[in-house]
Amino acid sequence: MELVDFLRARLDEDEALAREAPKGPWHIGNAVDPTQPCNVHTFPGARPVADGLNWLVAEHIARHDPARVLAEVDVKRQLIARGGPFCTSDCDEPGNEPMDPDTNWTTPLEHHLDCAAYEAAKLMALPYADHPDFDPAWLED
């Protein structure tokens, strides 16, 4: 499996879970006293999405409601939309500009954009490092 394919699959999973969750925006309920358990709900009076939580946990859950997850999935998909060919060379070293006429890079700028996209894709894969399809070799330089 290639890095971009791995990311696309994880983003598809994130999107599916977000679409199955109760619609947001999510809010913290009964958080008058942050030392007391509180809940997260979709709107005042609604059945809680989560209940009996520490205030900081509830804040975290409310902040990452489905709308935010879907927005983040969309941004990440845009970042990997180039889909390659990603530069995996040491192009940041002097003299390592692409010289192969068979590449899709027509200018050094396009080449460096591919390098940046590859580095961004590697970073986007890090939160999924515990997934069985994750390949640690993707992080090697």
C-alpha atoms as a PDB file:
ATOM      1  CA  MET A   1       0.000   0.000   0.000  1.00  0.00           C
ATOM      2  CA  GLU A   2       1.297   3.446  -0.886  1.00  0.00           C
ATOM      3  CA  LEU A   3       1.263   6.357   1.567  1.00  0.00           C
ATOM      4  CA  VAL A   4      -1.436   8.314  -0.296  1.00  0.00           C
ATOM      5  CA  ASP A   5      -3.670   5.237  -0.573  1.00  0.00           C
ATOM      6  CA  PHE A   6      -3.217   4.635   3.165  1.00  0.00           C
ATOM      7  CA  LEU A   7      -4.186   8.235   3.947  1.00  0.00           C
ATOM      8  CA  ARG A   8      -7.201   8.150   1.654  1.00  0.00           C
ATOM      9  CA  ALA A   9      -8.450   4.984   3.379  1.00  0.00           C
ATOM     10  CA  ARG A  10      -8.013   6.492   6.852  1.00  0.00           C
ATOM     11  CA  LEU A  11      -9.767   9.709   5.780  1.00  0.00           C
ATOM     12  CA  ASP A  12     -12.635   7.636   4.364  1.00  0.00           C
ATOM     13  CA  GLU A  13     -12.922   5.922   7.766  1.00  0.00           C
ATOM     14  CA  ASP A  14     -12.832   9.249   9.619  1.00  0.00           C
ATOM     15  CA  GLU A  15     -15.524  10.643   7.324  1.00  0.00           C
ATOM     16  CA  ALA A  16     -17.779   7.602   7.722  1.00  0.00           C
ATOM     17  CA  LEU A  17     -17.583   7.775  11.524  1.00  0.00           C
ATOM     18  CA  ALA A  18     -18.261  11.514  11.544  1.00  0.00           C
ATOM     19  CA  ARG A  19     -21.300  11.062   9.299  1.00  0.00           C
ATOM     20  CA  GLU A  20     -22.677   8.340  11.607  1.00  0.00           C
ATOM     21  CA  ALA A  21     -22.310  10.497  14.727  1.00  0.00           C
ATOM     22  CA  PRO A  22     -25.124  12.782  15.889  1.00  0.00           C
ATOM     23  CA  LYS A  23     -25.053  16.033  13.960  1.00  0.00           C
ATOM     24  CA  GLY A  24     -23.467  19.046  15.636  1.00  0.00           C
ATOM     25  CA  PRO A  25     -22.535  21.517  16.632  1.00  0.00           C
ATOM     26  CA  TRP A  26     -21.867  19.858  19.959  1.00  0.00           C
ATOM     27  CA  HIS A  27     -21.983  21.798  23.217  1.00  0.00           C
ATOM     28  CA  ILE A  28     -21.004  21.226  26.813  1.00  0.00           C
ATOM     29  CA  GLY A  29     -24.015  20.981  29.085  1.00  0.00           C
ATOM     30  CA  ASN A  30     -24.346  21.544  32.821  1.00  0.00           C
ATOM     31  CA  ALA A  31     -20.766  22.874  33.045  1.00  0.00           C
ATOM     32  CA  VAL A  32     -21.479  25.501  35.690  1.00  0.00           C
ATOM     33  CA  ASP A  33     -18.879  23.976  38.012  1.00  0.00           C
ATOM     34  CA  PRO A  34     -15.840  22.553  36.154  1.00  0.00           C
ATOM     35  CA  THR A  35     -15.150  20.219  39.089  1.00  0.00           C
ATOM     36  CA  GLN A  36     -18.479  18.435  38.539  1.00  0.00           C
ATOM     37  CA  PRO A  37     -19.252  15.855  35.823  1.00  0.00           C
ATOM     38  CA  CYS A  38     -20.851  17.297  32.708  1.00  0.00           C
ATOM     39  CA  ASN A  39     -22.164  16.132  29.352  1.00  0.00           C
ATOM     40  CA  VAL A  40     -21.871  16.886  25.668  1.00  0.00           C
ATOM     41  CA  HIS A  41     -25.064  17.365  23.663  1.00  0.00           C
ATOM     42  CA  THR A  42     -26.050  18.539  20.200  1.00  0.00           C
ATOM     43  CA  PHE A  43     -28.321  21.339  21.430  1.00  0.00           C
ATOM     44  CA  PRO A  44     -29.850  22.397  24.746  1.00  0.00           C
ATOM     45  CA  GLY A  45     -32.342  19.829  25.968  1.00  0.00           C
ATOM     46  CA  ALA A  46     -31.134  17.102  23.590  1.00  0.00           C
ATOM     47  CA  ARG A  47     -30.111  13.679  24.781  1.00  0.00           C
ATOM     48  CA  PRO A  48     -26.379  13.816  25.618  1.00  0.00           C
ATOM     49  CA  VAL A  49     -23.855  12.449  23.161  1.00  0.00           C
ATOM     50  CA  ALA A  50     -21.637  11.733  26.192  1.00  0.00           C
ATOM     51  CA  ASP A  51     -22.449  12.050  29.885  1.00  0.00           C
ATOM     52  CA  GLY A  52     -20.684  12.085  33.252  1.00  0.00           C
ATOM     53  CA  LEU A  53     -17.460  13.530  31.869  1.00  0.00           C
ATOM     54  CA  ASN A  54     -14.669  15.553  33.330  1.00  0.00           C
ATOM     55  CA  TRP A  55     -15.019  19.117  32.013  1.00  0.00           C
ATOM     56  CA  LEU A  56     -11.777  18.981  29.998  1.00  0.00           C
ATOM     57  CA  VAL A  57     -12.793  15.705  28.367  1.00  0.00           C
ATOM     58  CA  ALA A  58     -16.191  17.174  27.509  1.00  0.00           C
ATOM     59  CA  GLU A  59     -14.509  20.277  26.050  1.00  0.00           C
ATOM     60  CA  HIS A  60     -12.302  18.081  23.886  1.00  0.00           C
ATOM     61  CA  ILE A  61     -15.233  16.007  22.629  1.00  0.00           C
ATOM     62  CA  ALA A  62     -17.375  19.078  21.911  1.00  0.00           C
ATOM     63  CA  ARG A  63     -14.533  20.766  20.076  1.00  0.00           C
ATOM     64  CA  HIS A  64     -14.112  17.757  17.765  1.00  0.00           C
ATOM     65  CA  ASP A  65     -17.716  17.416  16.670  1.00  0.00           C
ATOM     66  CA  PRO A  66     -18.576  15.795  13.313  1.00  0.00           C
ATOM     67  CA  ALA A  67     -18.577  19.099  11.410  1.00  0.00           C
ATOM     68  CA  ARG A  68     -15.007  19.802  12.463  1.00  0.00           C
ATOM     69  CA  VAL A  69     -13.877  16.269  11.615  1.00  0.00           C
ATOM     70  CA  LEU A  70     -15.474  16.547   8.167  1.00  0.00           C
ATOM     71  CA  ALA A  71     -13.784  19.920   7.578  1.00  0.00           C
ATOM     72  CA  GLU A  72     -10.417  18.467   8.576  1.00  0.00           C
ATOM     73  CA  VAL A  73     -10.939  15.453   6.296  1.00  0.00           C
ATOM     74  CA  ASP A  74     -11.713  17.810   3.408  1.00  0.00           C
ATOM     75  CA  VAL A  75      -8.568  19.883   3.992  1.00  0.00           C
ATOM     76  CA  LYS A  76      -6.371  16.784   4.235  1.00  0.00           C
ATOM     77  CA  ARG A  77      -7.851  15.400   1.024  1.00  0.00           C
ATOM     78  CA  GLN A  78      -7.041  18.671  -0.727  1.00  0.00           C
ATOM     79  CA  LEU A  79      -3.463  18.505   0.541  1.00  0.00           C
ATOM     80  CA  ILE A  80      -2.918  15.007  -0.863  1.00  0.00           C
ATOM     81  CA  ALA A  81      -4.947  15.590  -4.039  1.00  0.00           C
ATOM     82  CA  ARG A  82      -1.811  15.765  -6.145  1.00  0.00           C
ATOM     83  CA  GLY A  83      -1.464  12.061  -5.444  1.00  0.00           C
ATOM     84  CA  GLY A  84       2.095  11.991  -6.721  1.00  0.00           C
ATOM     85  CA  PRO A  85       4.489  11.398  -8.089  1.00  0.00           C
ATOM     86  CA  PHE A  86       5.825  12.597  -4.779  1.00  0.00           C
ATOM     87  CA  CYS A  87       9.473  13.432  -4.535  1.00  0.00           C
ATOM     88  CA  THR A  88      11.221  11.035  -2.202  1.00  0.00           C
ATOM     89  CA  SER A  89      14.753  12.183  -2.998  1.00  0.00           C
ATOM     90  CA  ASP A  90      17.011  14.435  -0.981  1.00  0.00           C
ATOM     91  CA  CYS A  91      16.130  17.399  -3.156  1.00  0.00           C
ATOM     92  CA  ASP A  92      16.899  19.819  -0.362  1.00  0.00           C
ATOM     93  CA  GLU A  93      20.571  18.966  -0.815  1.00  0.00           C
ATOM     94  CA  PRO A  94      22.536  21.225  -3.210  1.00  0.00           C
ATOM     95  CA  GLY A  95      22.689  19.811  -6.709  1.00  0.00           C
ATOM     96  CA  ASN A  96      19.789  17.392  -6.235  1.00  0.00           C
ATOM     97  CA  GLU A  97      17.330  19.110  -8.557  1.00  0.00           C
ATOM     98  CA  PRO A  98      15.415  16.661 -10.785  1.00  0.00           C
ATOM     99  CA  MET A  99      17.169  16.155 -14.094  1.00  0.00           C
ATOM    100  CA  ASP A 100      15.198  13.152 -15.397  1.00  0.00           C
ATOM    101  CA  PRO A 101      13.214  14.093 -18.535  1.00  0.00           C
ATOM    102  CA  ASP A 102      10.706  11.313 -17.708  1.00  0.00           C
ATOM    103  CA  THR A 103       9.473  13.050 -14.545  1.00  0.00           C
ATOM    104  CA  ASN A 104       6.418  15.282 -14.491  1.00  0.00           C
ATOM    105  CA  TRP A 105       8.415  18.157 -13.029  1.00  0.00           C
ATOM    106  CA  THR A 106       8.960  20.906 -15.547  1.00  0.00           C
ATOM    107  CA  THR A 107      10.385  23.463 -13.129  1.00  0.00           C
ATOM    108  CA  PRO A 108      12.240  23.281  -9.837  1.00  0.00           C
ATOM    109  CA  LEU A 109       9.226  24.941  -8.179  1.00  0.00           C
ATOM    110  CA  GLU A 110       6.886  22.113  -9.185  1.00  0.00           C
ATOM    111  CA  HIS A 111       9.438  19.630  -7.911  1.00  0.00           C
ATOM    112  CA  HIS A 112       9.673  21.364  -4.545  1.00  0.00           C
ATOM    113  CA  LEU A 113       5.891  21.507  -4.258  1.00  0.00           C
ATOM    114  CA  ASP A 114       5.882  17.718  -4.671  1.00  0.00           C
ATOM    115  CA  CYS A 115       8.554  17.463  -1.974  1.00  0.00           C
ATOM    116  CA  ALA A 116       6.460  19.595   0.372  1.00  0.00           C
ATOM    117  CA  ALA A 117       3.332  17.544  -0.406  1.00  0.00           C
ATOM    118  CA  TYR A 118       5.195  14.330   0.392  1.00  0.00           C
ATOM    119  CA  GLU A 119       6.476  15.723   3.700  1.00  0.00           C
ATOM    120  CA  ALA A 120       2.940  16.880   4.583  1.00  0.00           C
ATOM    121  CA  ALA A 121       1.529  13.437   3.730  1.00  0.00           C
ATOM    122  CA  LYS A 122       4.098  11.767   5.999  1.00  0.00           C
ATOM    123  CA  LEU A 123       3.067  14.069   8.850  1.00  0.00           C
ATOM    124  CA  MET A 124      -0.638  13.431   8.201  1.00  0.00           C
ATOM    125  CA  ALA A 125       0.027   9.686   8.537  1.00  0.00           C
ATOM    126  CA  LEU A 126       1.501   9.994  12.036  1.00  0.00           C
ATOM    127  CA  PRO A 127      -1.840   9.986  13.915  1.00  0.00           C
ATOM    128  CA  TYR A 128      -2.581   6.632  12.272  1.00  0.00           C
ATOM    129  CA  ALA A 129       0.749   5.012  13.251  1.00  0.00           C
ATOM    130  CA  ASP A 130      -1.097   2.412  15.343  1.00  0.00           C
ATOM    131  CA  HIS A 131      -3.072   1.190  12.303  1.00  0.00           C
ATOM    132  CA  PRO A 132      -1.973  -2.257  11.058  1.00  0.00           C
ATOM    133  CA  ASP A 133      -1.479  -0.951   7.495  1.00  0.00           C
ATOM    134  CA  PHE A 134       0.862   1.836   8.612  1.00  0.00           C
ATOM    135  CA  ASP A 135       4.364   1.405   7.217  1.00  0.00           C
ATOM    136  CA  PRO A 136       7.116   2.987   9.340  1.00  0.00           C
ATOM    137  CA  ALA A 137       9.289   3.106   6.212  1.00  0.00           C
ATOM    138  CA  TRP A 138       7.160   6.032   5.025  1.00  0.00           C
ATOM    139  CA  LEU A 139       8.793   8.165   7.717  1.00  0.00           C
ATOM    140  CA  GLU A 140      12.341   7.320   6.725  1.00  0.00           C
ATOM    141  CA  ASP A 141      14.278   9.929   4.822  1.00  0.00           C
END
